[in-house]
Amino acid sequence: MIGLSVAVGRFIEALFWAILRVAGTVTAGVFAAALVLTVVFILIRRIVRKRRKA
């Protein structure tokens, strides 16, 4: 019975870490996408401003 309990505990722990790994990956992807969009937005604004001055 103790062996089964340990196996279930290890399974739950592995599941927990897998969920955290996926959540961390998704979070990193969202932050990276937000950073890229911010940089692109700033570059587009600069290009538009330069064209208006010229």
N, C-alpha and C. Protein backbone atom coordinates (compact mmCIF):
# COMPACT_ATOMS: atom_id res chain seq x y z
N MET A 1 0.82 -1.19 0.00
CA MET A 1 0.00 0.00 0.00
C MET A 1 0.86 1.26 0.00
N ILE A 2 1.99 1.20 0.72
CA ILE A 2 2.87 2.38 0.77
C ILE A 2 3.48 2.64 -0.61
N GLY A 3 3.83 1.56 -1.33
CA GLY A 3 4.39 1.72 -2.66
C GLY A 3 3.43 2.41 -3.60
N LEU A 4 2.16 2.06 -3.53
CA LEU A 4 1.14 2.70 -4.36
C LEU A 4 1.00 4.18 -4.01
N SER A 5 1.04 4.47 -2.72
CA SER A 5 0.92 5.85 -2.27
C SER A 5 2.10 6.68 -2.79
N VAL A 6 3.30 6.12 -2.74
CA VAL A 6 4.48 6.82 -3.25
C VAL A 6 4.37 7.03 -4.75
N ALA A 7 3.88 6.02 -5.46
CA ALA A 7 3.72 6.13 -6.91
C ALA A 7 2.72 7.22 -7.27
N VAL A 8 1.60 7.25 -6.54
CA VAL A 8 0.60 8.28 -6.81
C VAL A 8 1.18 9.66 -6.49
N GLY A 9 1.91 9.77 -5.40
CA GLY A 9 2.53 11.05 -5.04
C GLY A 9 3.51 11.53 -6.09
N ARG A 10 4.31 10.61 -6.59
CA ARG A 10 5.27 10.98 -7.64
C ARG A 10 4.55 11.38 -8.93
N PHE A 11 3.47 10.69 -9.25
CA PHE A 11 2.70 11.04 -10.45
C PHE A 11 2.12 12.44 -10.32
N ILE A 12 1.55 12.74 -9.16
CA ILE A 12 0.96 14.08 -8.94
C ILE A 12 2.06 15.15 -9.02
N GLU A 13 3.22 14.85 -8.44
CA GLU A 13 4.32 15.80 -8.49
C GLU A 13 4.77 16.03 -9.93
N ALA A 14 4.91 14.97 -10.71
CA ALA A 14 5.32 15.09 -12.11
C ALA A 14 4.29 15.88 -12.90
N LEU A 15 3.02 15.62 -12.63
CA LEU A 15 1.95 16.36 -13.31
C LEU A 15 2.01 17.84 -12.97
N PHE A 16 2.23 18.13 -11.69
CA PHE A 16 2.34 19.51 -11.23
C PHE A 16 3.48 20.25 -11.94
N TRP A 17 4.66 19.61 -12.01
CA TRP A 17 5.80 20.26 -12.65
C TRP A 17 5.58 20.40 -14.16
N ALA A 18 4.91 19.44 -14.77
CA ALA A 18 4.62 19.54 -16.20
C ALA A 18 3.69 20.72 -16.47
N ILE A 19 2.69 20.89 -15.62
CA ILE A 19 1.76 22.01 -15.79
C ILE A 19 2.51 23.34 -15.62
N LEU A 20 3.37 23.40 -14.60
CA LEU A 20 4.14 24.63 -14.40
C LEU A 20 5.08 24.91 -15.57
N ARG A 21 5.66 23.88 -16.14
CA ARG A 21 6.56 24.06 -17.28
C ARG A 21 5.80 24.63 -18.47
N VAL A 22 4.62 24.07 -18.74
CA VAL A 22 3.81 24.56 -19.86
C VAL A 22 3.36 26.00 -19.59
N ALA A 23 2.94 26.27 -18.37
CA ALA A 23 2.50 27.63 -18.03
C ALA A 23 3.66 28.61 -18.18
N GLY A 24 4.85 28.21 -17.77
CA GLY A 24 6.02 29.08 -17.91
C GLY A 24 6.36 29.34 -19.37
N THR A 25 6.25 28.31 -20.19
CA THR A 25 6.52 28.46 -21.62
C THR A 25 5.52 29.41 -22.27
N VAL A 26 4.26 29.23 -21.93
CA VAL A 26 3.21 30.10 -22.49
C VAL A 26 3.43 31.54 -22.03
N THR A 27 3.75 31.73 -20.77
CA THR A 27 4.00 33.08 -20.26
C THR A 27 5.18 33.73 -20.97
N ALA A 28 6.25 32.98 -21.15
CA ALA A 28 7.41 33.52 -21.86
C ALA A 28 7.05 33.89 -23.30
N GLY A 29 6.24 33.06 -23.93
CA GLY A 29 5.81 33.35 -25.30
C GLY A 29 4.98 34.61 -25.38
N VAL A 30 4.09 34.78 -24.43
CA VAL A 30 3.24 35.99 -24.40
C VAL A 30 4.10 37.23 -24.18
N PHE A 31 5.04 37.16 -23.25
CA PHE A 31 5.92 38.31 -23.01
C PHE A 31 6.77 38.61 -24.24
N ALA A 32 7.28 37.59 -24.90
CA ALA A 32 8.09 37.80 -26.10
C ALA A 32 7.25 38.45 -27.21
N ALA A 33 6.03 37.97 -27.39
CA ALA A 33 5.15 38.54 -28.41
C ALA A 33 4.83 39.99 -28.10
N ALA A 34 4.57 40.29 -26.83
CA ALA A 34 4.28 41.67 -26.44
C ALA A 34 5.48 42.57 -26.68
N LEU A 35 6.67 42.06 -26.40
CA LEU A 35 7.89 42.85 -26.62
C LEU A 35 8.09 43.12 -28.10
N VAL A 36 7.90 42.10 -28.93
CA VAL A 36 8.06 42.27 -30.38
C VAL A 36 7.03 43.26 -30.92
N LEU A 37 5.78 43.14 -30.48
CA LEU A 37 4.75 44.07 -30.95
C LEU A 37 5.05 45.50 -30.52
N THR A 38 5.57 45.68 -29.32
CA THR A 38 5.91 47.02 -28.85
C THR A 38 7.04 47.63 -29.69
N VAL A 39 8.06 46.84 -29.96
CA VAL A 39 9.17 47.33 -30.77
C VAL A 39 8.70 47.67 -32.19
N VAL A 40 7.89 46.81 -32.78
CA VAL A 40 7.36 47.07 -34.12
C VAL A 40 6.52 48.34 -34.13
N PHE A 41 5.68 48.52 -33.12
CA PHE A 41 4.84 49.72 -33.03
C PHE A 41 5.70 50.98 -32.95
N ILE A 42 6.75 50.94 -32.12
CA ILE A 42 7.63 52.11 -31.99
C ILE A 42 8.34 52.40 -33.30
N LEU A 43 8.83 51.36 -33.97
CA LEU A 43 9.51 51.57 -35.26
C LEU A 43 8.57 52.15 -36.30
N ILE A 44 7.34 51.65 -36.36
CA ILE A 44 6.37 52.17 -37.33
C ILE A 44 6.06 53.63 -37.04
N ARG A 45 5.92 53.99 -35.76
CA ARG A 45 5.66 55.39 -35.42
C ARG A 45 6.82 56.28 -35.87
N ARG A 46 8.04 55.83 -35.67
CA ARG A 46 9.21 56.63 -36.09
C ARG A 46 9.24 56.80 -37.60
N ILE A 47 8.94 55.74 -38.33
CA ILE A 47 8.94 55.82 -39.80
C ILE A 47 7.87 56.80 -40.28
N VAL A 48 6.69 56.72 -39.67
CA VAL A 48 5.60 57.61 -40.08
C VAL A 48 5.95 59.07 -39.77
N ARG A 49 6.56 59.31 -38.61
CA ARG A 49 6.96 60.68 -38.26
C ARG A 49 7.99 61.24 -39.24
N LYS A 50 8.96 60.41 -39.65
CA LYS A 50 9.99 60.87 -40.58
C LYS A 50 9.38 61.18 -41.94
N ARG A 51 8.41 60.40 -42.37
CA ARG A 51 7.78 60.66 -43.67
C ARG A 51 6.95 61.93 -43.64
N ARG A 52 6.33 62.24 -42.52
CA ARG A 52 5.53 63.47 -42.42
C ARG A 52 6.41 64.71 -42.46
N LYS A 53 7.61 64.61 -41.87
CA LYS A 53 8.53 65.76 -41.86
C LYS A 53 9.10 66.03 -43.24
N ALA A 54 9.31 64.99 -44.01
CA ALA A 54 9.96 65.13 -45.32
C ALA A 54 9.07 65.64 -46.39
